[in-house]
Amino acid sequence: MALFVPLFQALNASGGRYVVVGGVATVLHGHARLTADVDVIVEFEREGLTRLLDAVTELGLRPRPPVAAKDFADPACRAAWIRDKGMRVFSFWDPNSPMRELDLFVEHPIDFEELWSRSVLVEIGGTEARIASIGDLIALKRLAGRPQDLQDIQVLESIAKRHGKA
């Protein structure tokens, strides 16, 4: 997880609102497993999103698609990517540290305000990361329905029961 601490610091410093979902959120809820990237749902409010994208690029991450990072802040671009390319996430990678990857959802599978209000802050490496609640994480993994997601659901349900949140 230390690999992602500078990313969380940059996201926090930007003032843009985000919620970590996917494998990293699963790990931060207490399930030890490997994951290769950080999946994030961001608020699409233009000013905060632009600051967040600036922070990510200043950190050295570059978009995988051959477009400018700030294109992600344009709702028309995101809509075209969804419609024309079937895009679900906009990926960034770090050419100096190829293991560091960031995927931003191009649309909100869960209402962002609801996701934000139920999210939790966790401490990691001297900073904080805002992660999806176990319930929202389970819902997102059900939507994805991949084999790893189905395995994660079982583990997350067990964690929720242990913490009296089931």
C-alpha atoms as a PDB file:
ATOM      1  CA  MET A   1       0.000   0.000   0.000  1.00  0.00           C
ATOM      2  CA  ALA A   2       2.950   2.360   0.510  1.00  0.00           C
ATOM      3  CA  LEU A   3       3.159   2.683  -3.277  1.00  0.00           C
ATOM      4  CA  PHE A   4      -0.192   4.481  -3.239  1.00  0.00           C
ATOM      5  CA  VAL A   5       0.426   6.861  -0.304  1.00  0.00           C
ATOM      6  CA  PRO A   6       1.736   9.705  -2.543  1.00  0.00           C
ATOM      7  CA  LEU A   7      -1.359   9.284  -4.706  1.00  0.00           C
ATOM      8  CA  PHE A   8      -3.699   9.618  -1.707  1.00  0.00           C
ATOM      9  CA  GLN A   9      -1.713  12.637  -0.501  1.00  0.00           C
ATOM     10  CA  ALA A  10      -2.077  14.281  -3.936  1.00  0.00           C
ATOM     11  CA  LEU A  11      -5.802  13.499  -4.147  1.00  0.00           C
ATOM     12  CA  ASN A  12      -6.368  14.920  -0.652  1.00  0.00           C
ATOM     13  CA  ALA A  13      -4.298  18.055  -1.335  1.00  0.00           C
ATOM     14  CA  SER A  14      -6.246  18.765  -4.540  1.00  0.00           C
ATOM     15  CA  GLY A  15      -9.474  19.333  -2.640  1.00  0.00           C
ATOM     16  CA  GLY A  16     -11.357  17.321  -5.271  1.00  0.00           C
ATOM     17  CA  ARG A  17     -13.767  14.782  -3.826  1.00  0.00           C
ATOM     18  CA  TYR A  18     -13.069  11.103  -4.450  1.00  0.00           C
ATOM     19  CA  VAL A  19     -13.944   7.682  -3.060  1.00  0.00           C
ATOM     20  CA  VAL A  20     -11.653   4.668  -3.465  1.00  0.00           C
ATOM     21  CA  VAL A  21     -13.463   1.527  -4.610  1.00  0.00           C
ATOM     22  CA  GLY A  22     -12.311  -1.834  -5.988  1.00  0.00           C
ATOM     23  CA  GLY A  23      -9.455  -3.965  -4.739  1.00  0.00           C
ATOM     24  CA  VAL A  24      -7.636  -1.274  -2.760  1.00  0.00           C
ATOM     25  CA  ALA A  25     -10.819  -0.429  -0.842  1.00  0.00           C
ATOM     26  CA  THR A  26     -11.304  -4.142  -0.180  1.00  0.00           C
ATOM     27  CA  VAL A  27      -7.756  -4.375   1.204  1.00  0.00           C
ATOM     28  CA  LEU A  28      -8.243  -1.251   3.331  1.00  0.00           C
ATOM     29  CA  HIS A  29     -11.370  -2.826   4.837  1.00  0.00           C
ATOM     30  CA  GLY A  30      -9.169  -5.693   6.031  1.00  0.00           C
ATOM     31  CA  HIS A  31      -8.875  -8.336   3.298  1.00  0.00           C
ATOM     32  CA  ALA A  32      -5.280  -9.113   2.361  1.00  0.00           C
ATOM     33  CA  ARG A  33      -5.091  -9.670  -1.382  1.00  0.00           C
ATOM     34  CA  LEU A  34      -3.081  -8.422  -4.331  1.00  0.00           C
ATOM     35  CA  THR A  35      -4.349  -5.589  -6.469  1.00  0.00           C
ATOM     36  CA  ALA A  36      -2.622  -3.741  -9.276  1.00  0.00           C
ATOM     37  CA  ASP A  37      -4.400  -0.390  -9.397  1.00  0.00           C
ATOM     38  CA  VAL A  38      -6.459   2.144  -7.486  1.00  0.00           C
ATOM     39  CA  ASP A  39     -10.083   2.430  -8.656  1.00  0.00           C
ATOM     40  CA  VAL A  40     -11.655   5.772  -7.823  1.00  0.00           C
ATOM     41  CA  ILE A  41     -15.030   7.400  -8.285  1.00  0.00           C
ATOM     42  CA  VAL A  42     -14.649  11.182  -8.423  1.00  0.00           C
ATOM     43  CA  GLU A  43     -17.093  14.034  -8.133  1.00  0.00           C
ATOM     44  CA  PHE A  44     -17.648  15.591 -11.561  1.00  0.00           C
ATOM     45  CA  GLU A  45     -17.842  19.190 -10.284  1.00  0.00           C
ATOM     46  CA  ARG A  46     -15.549  20.907 -12.812  1.00  0.00           C
ATOM     47  CA  GLU A  47     -13.300  23.009 -10.556  1.00  0.00           C
ATOM     48  CA  GLY A  48     -12.527  20.285  -8.006  1.00  0.00           C
ATOM     49  CA  LEU A  49     -12.120  17.689 -10.743  1.00  0.00           C
ATOM     50  CA  THR A  50      -9.676  19.915 -12.638  1.00  0.00           C
ATOM     51  CA  ARG A  51      -7.589  20.379  -9.479  1.00  0.00           C
ATOM     52  CA  LEU A  52      -7.656  16.618  -8.892  1.00  0.00           C
ATOM     53  CA  LEU A  53      -6.495  15.925 -12.466  1.00  0.00           C
ATOM     54  CA  ASP A  54      -3.713  18.529 -12.092  1.00  0.00           C
ATOM     55  CA  ALA A  55      -2.558  16.831  -8.880  1.00  0.00           C
ATOM     56  CA  VAL A  56      -2.490  13.421 -10.542  1.00  0.00           C
ATOM     57  CA  THR A  57      -0.456  14.655 -13.518  1.00  0.00           C
ATOM     58  CA  GLU A  58       1.905  16.647 -11.261  1.00  0.00           C
ATOM     59  CA  LEU A  59       2.536  13.372  -9.451  1.00  0.00           C
ATOM     60  CA  GLY A  60       3.772  11.974 -12.781  1.00  0.00           C
ATOM     61  CA  LEU A  61       0.783   9.877 -13.840  1.00  0.00           C
ATOM     62  CA  ARG A  62      -0.165   9.968 -17.519  1.00  0.00           C
ATOM     63  CA  PRO A  63      -3.398   8.983 -19.269  1.00  0.00           C
ATOM     64  CA  ARG A  64      -3.271   5.598 -21.015  1.00  0.00           C
ATOM     65  CA  PRO A  65      -5.492   6.803 -23.875  1.00  0.00           C
ATOM     66  CA  PRO A  66      -3.839   9.305 -26.234  1.00  0.00           C
ATOM     67  CA  VAL A  67      -5.741  12.319 -24.890  1.00  0.00           C
ATOM     68  CA  ALA A  68      -5.069  15.174 -22.481  1.00  0.00           C
ATOM     69  CA  ALA A  69      -5.802  14.390 -18.834  1.00  0.00           C
ATOM     70  CA  LYS A  70      -8.080  17.445 -18.598  1.00  0.00           C
ATOM     71  CA  ASP A  71     -10.352  15.952 -21.263  1.00  0.00           C
ATOM     72  CA  PHE A  72     -11.708  13.796 -18.440  1.00  0.00           C
ATOM     73  CA  ALA A  73     -13.232  16.940 -16.872  1.00  0.00           C
ATOM     74  CA  ASP A  74     -15.351  17.511 -20.002  1.00  0.00           C
ATOM     75  CA  PRO A  75     -18.751  15.778 -19.692  1.00  0.00           C
ATOM     76  CA  ALA A  76     -19.087  15.630 -23.499  1.00  0.00           C
ATOM     77  CA  CYS A  77     -15.760  13.782 -23.796  1.00  0.00           C
ATOM     78  CA  ARG A  78     -16.751  11.298 -21.097  1.00  0.00           C
ATOM     79  CA  ALA A  79     -20.124  10.715 -22.776  1.00  0.00           C
ATOM     80  CA  ALA A  80     -18.425  10.124 -26.146  1.00  0.00           C
ATOM     81  CA  TRP A  81     -15.963   7.662 -24.604  1.00  0.00           C
ATOM     82  CA  ILE A  82     -18.825   5.718 -23.051  1.00  0.00           C
ATOM     83  CA  ARG A  83     -20.934   5.799 -26.221  1.00  0.00           C
ATOM     84  CA  ASP A  84     -18.207   5.264 -28.840  1.00  0.00           C
ATOM     85  CA  LYS A  85     -15.631   3.167 -27.012  1.00  0.00           C
ATOM     86  CA  GLY A  86     -17.629   1.459 -24.252  1.00  0.00           C
ATOM     87  CA  MET A  87     -15.220   3.003 -21.744  1.00  0.00           C
ATOM     88  CA  ARG A  88     -15.925   2.346 -18.072  1.00  0.00           C
ATOM     89  CA  VAL A  89     -12.747   3.773 -16.537  1.00  0.00           C
ATOM     90  CA  PHE A  90     -10.177   6.337 -17.620  1.00  0.00           C
ATOM     91  CA  SER A  91      -6.744   4.930 -16.775  1.00  0.00           C
ATOM     92  CA  PHE A  92      -3.585   6.687 -15.664  1.00  0.00           C
ATOM     93  CA  TRP A  93      -0.179   5.077 -15.212  1.00  0.00           C
ATOM     94  CA  ASP A  94       3.172   6.237 -13.892  1.00  0.00           C
ATOM     95  CA  PRO A  95       5.997   5.765 -16.441  1.00  0.00           C
ATOM     96  CA  ASN A  96       8.536   6.006 -13.581  1.00  0.00           C
ATOM     97  CA  SER A  97       6.716   3.447 -11.449  1.00  0.00           C
ATOM     98  CA  PRO A  98       4.624   1.250 -13.777  1.00  0.00           C
ATOM     99  CA  MET A  99       3.057  -0.592 -10.832  1.00  0.00           C
ATOM    100  CA  ARG A 100       1.265   2.632  -9.855  1.00  0.00           C
ATOM    101  CA  GLU A 101      -2.008   2.868 -11.799  1.00  0.00           C
ATOM    102  CA  LEU A 102      -5.177   4.876 -11.259  1.00  0.00           C
ATOM    103  CA  ASP A 103      -8.575   4.174 -12.840  1.00  0.00           C
ATOM    104  CA  LEU A 104     -11.239   6.902 -12.690  1.00  0.00           C
ATOM    105  CA  PHE A 105     -14.819   5.827 -13.362  1.00  0.00           C
ATOM    106  CA  VAL A 106     -16.227   7.760 -16.345  1.00  0.00           C
ATOM    107  CA  GLU A 107     -19.754   7.639 -14.885  1.00  0.00           C
ATOM    108  CA  HIS A 108     -21.178   7.122 -11.425  1.00  0.00           C
ATOM    109  CA  PRO A 109     -22.526   3.589 -10.913  1.00  0.00           C
ATOM    110  CA  ILE A 110     -23.848   4.842  -7.534  1.00  0.00           C
ATOM    111  CA  ASP A 111     -25.020   8.399  -6.866  1.00  0.00           C
ATOM    112  CA  PHE A 112     -21.853  10.254  -5.832  1.00  0.00           C
ATOM    113  CA  GLU A 113     -23.417  12.156  -2.913  1.00  0.00           C
ATOM    114  CA  GLU A 114     -24.738   8.917  -1.443  1.00  0.00           C
ATOM    115  CA  LEU A 115     -21.420   7.135  -1.996  1.00  0.00           C
ATOM    116  CA  TRP A 116     -19.565  10.063  -0.368  1.00  0.00           C
ATOM    117  CA  SER A 117     -21.914  10.270   2.615  1.00  0.00           C
ATOM    118  CA  ARG A 118     -21.456   6.578   3.441  1.00  0.00           C
ATOM    119  CA  SER A 119     -17.701   6.457   2.753  1.00  0.00           C
ATOM    120  CA  VAL A 120     -15.119   6.155   5.525  1.00  0.00           C
ATOM    121  CA  LEU A 121     -11.705   7.661   6.097  1.00  0.00           C
ATOM    122  CA  VAL A 122      -8.858   5.249   6.804  1.00  0.00           C
ATOM    123  CA  GLU A 123      -5.307   6.041   7.812  1.00  0.00           C
ATOM    124  CA  ILE A 124      -2.583   4.754   5.520  1.00  0.00           C
ATOM    125  CA  GLY A 125       1.080   5.660   5.744  1.00  0.00           C
ATOM    126  CA  GLY A 126       0.541   8.925   7.608  1.00  0.00           C
ATOM    127  CA  THR A 127      -2.261  10.168   5.366  1.00  0.00           C
ATOM    128  CA  GLU A 128      -5.915   9.367   4.891  1.00  0.00           C
ATOM    129  CA  ALA A 129      -7.822   7.717   2.077  1.00  0.00           C
ATOM    130  CA  ARG A 130     -11.580   7.967   1.639  1.00  0.00           C
ATOM    131  CA  ILE A 131     -12.959   4.511   0.811  1.00  0.00           C
ATOM    132  CA  ALA A 132     -16.391   3.197  -0.069  1.00  0.00           C
ATOM    133  CA  SER A 133     -18.448   1.688   2.719  1.00  0.00           C
ATOM    134  CA  ILE A 134     -18.578  -2.099   2.767  1.00  0.00           C
ATOM    135  CA  GLY A 135     -22.205  -2.007   1.598  1.00  0.00           C
ATOM    136  CA  ASP A 136     -21.423   0.228  -1.378  1.00  0.00           C
ATOM    137  CA  LEU A 137     -18.338  -1.796  -2.207  1.00  0.00           C
ATOM    138  CA  ILE A 138     -20.423  -4.984  -2.258  1.00  0.00           C
ATOM    139  CA  ALA A 139     -22.999  -3.287  -4.519  1.00  0.00           C
ATOM    140  CA  LEU A 140     -20.278  -2.145  -6.928  1.00  0.00           C
ATOM    141  CA  LYS A 141     -18.717  -5.596  -7.001  1.00  0.00           C
ATOM    142  CA  ARG A 142     -22.121  -7.158  -7.724  1.00  0.00           C
ATOM    143  CA  LEU A 143     -22.471  -4.781 -10.691  1.00  0.00           C
ATOM    144  CA  ALA A 144     -19.038  -5.800 -12.020  1.00  0.00           C
ATOM    145  CA  GLY A 145     -19.716  -9.509 -11.426  1.00  0.00           C
ATOM    146  CA  ARG A 146     -16.213 -10.741 -12.293  1.00  0.00           C
ATOM    147  CA  PRO A 147     -14.916 -13.864 -10.498  1.00  0.00           C
ATOM    148  CA  GLN A 148     -12.562 -11.820  -8.249  1.00  0.00           C
ATOM    149  CA  ASP A 149     -15.436  -9.473  -7.370  1.00  0.00           C
ATOM    150  CA  LEU A 150     -17.659 -12.402  -6.387  1.00  0.00           C
ATOM    151  CA  GLN A 151     -14.897 -13.731  -4.125  1.00  0.00           C
ATOM    152  CA  ASP A 152     -14.430 -10.272  -2.618  1.00  0.00           C
ATOM    153  CA  ILE A 153     -18.168 -10.041  -1.872  1.00  0.00           C
ATOM    154  CA  GLN A 154     -17.982 -13.155   0.308  1.00  0.00           C
ATOM    155  CA  VAL A 155     -15.028 -11.766   2.236  1.00  0.00           C
ATOM    156  CA  LEU A 156     -16.591  -8.303   2.600  1.00  0.00           C
ATOM    157  CA  GLU A 157     -19.831  -9.816   3.892  1.00  0.00           C
ATOM    158  CA  SER A 158     -17.808 -11.751   6.467  1.00  0.00           C
ATOM    159  CA  ILE A 159     -15.951  -8.574   7.528  1.00  0.00           C
ATOM    160  CA  ALA A 160     -19.272  -6.722   7.819  1.00  0.00           C
ATOM    161  CA  LYS A 161     -20.683  -9.480  10.065  1.00  0.00           C
ATOM    162  CA  ARG A 162     -17.595  -9.366  12.305  1.00  0.00           C
ATOM    163  CA  HIS A 163     -18.047  -5.615  12.713  1.00  0.00           C
ATOM    164  CA  GLY A 164     -21.806  -5.841  13.208  1.00  0.00           C
ATOM    165  CA  LYS A 165     -22.561  -4.060   9.927  1.00  0.00           C
ATOM    166  CA  ALA A 166     -24.318  -6.872   8.106  1.00  0.00           C
END
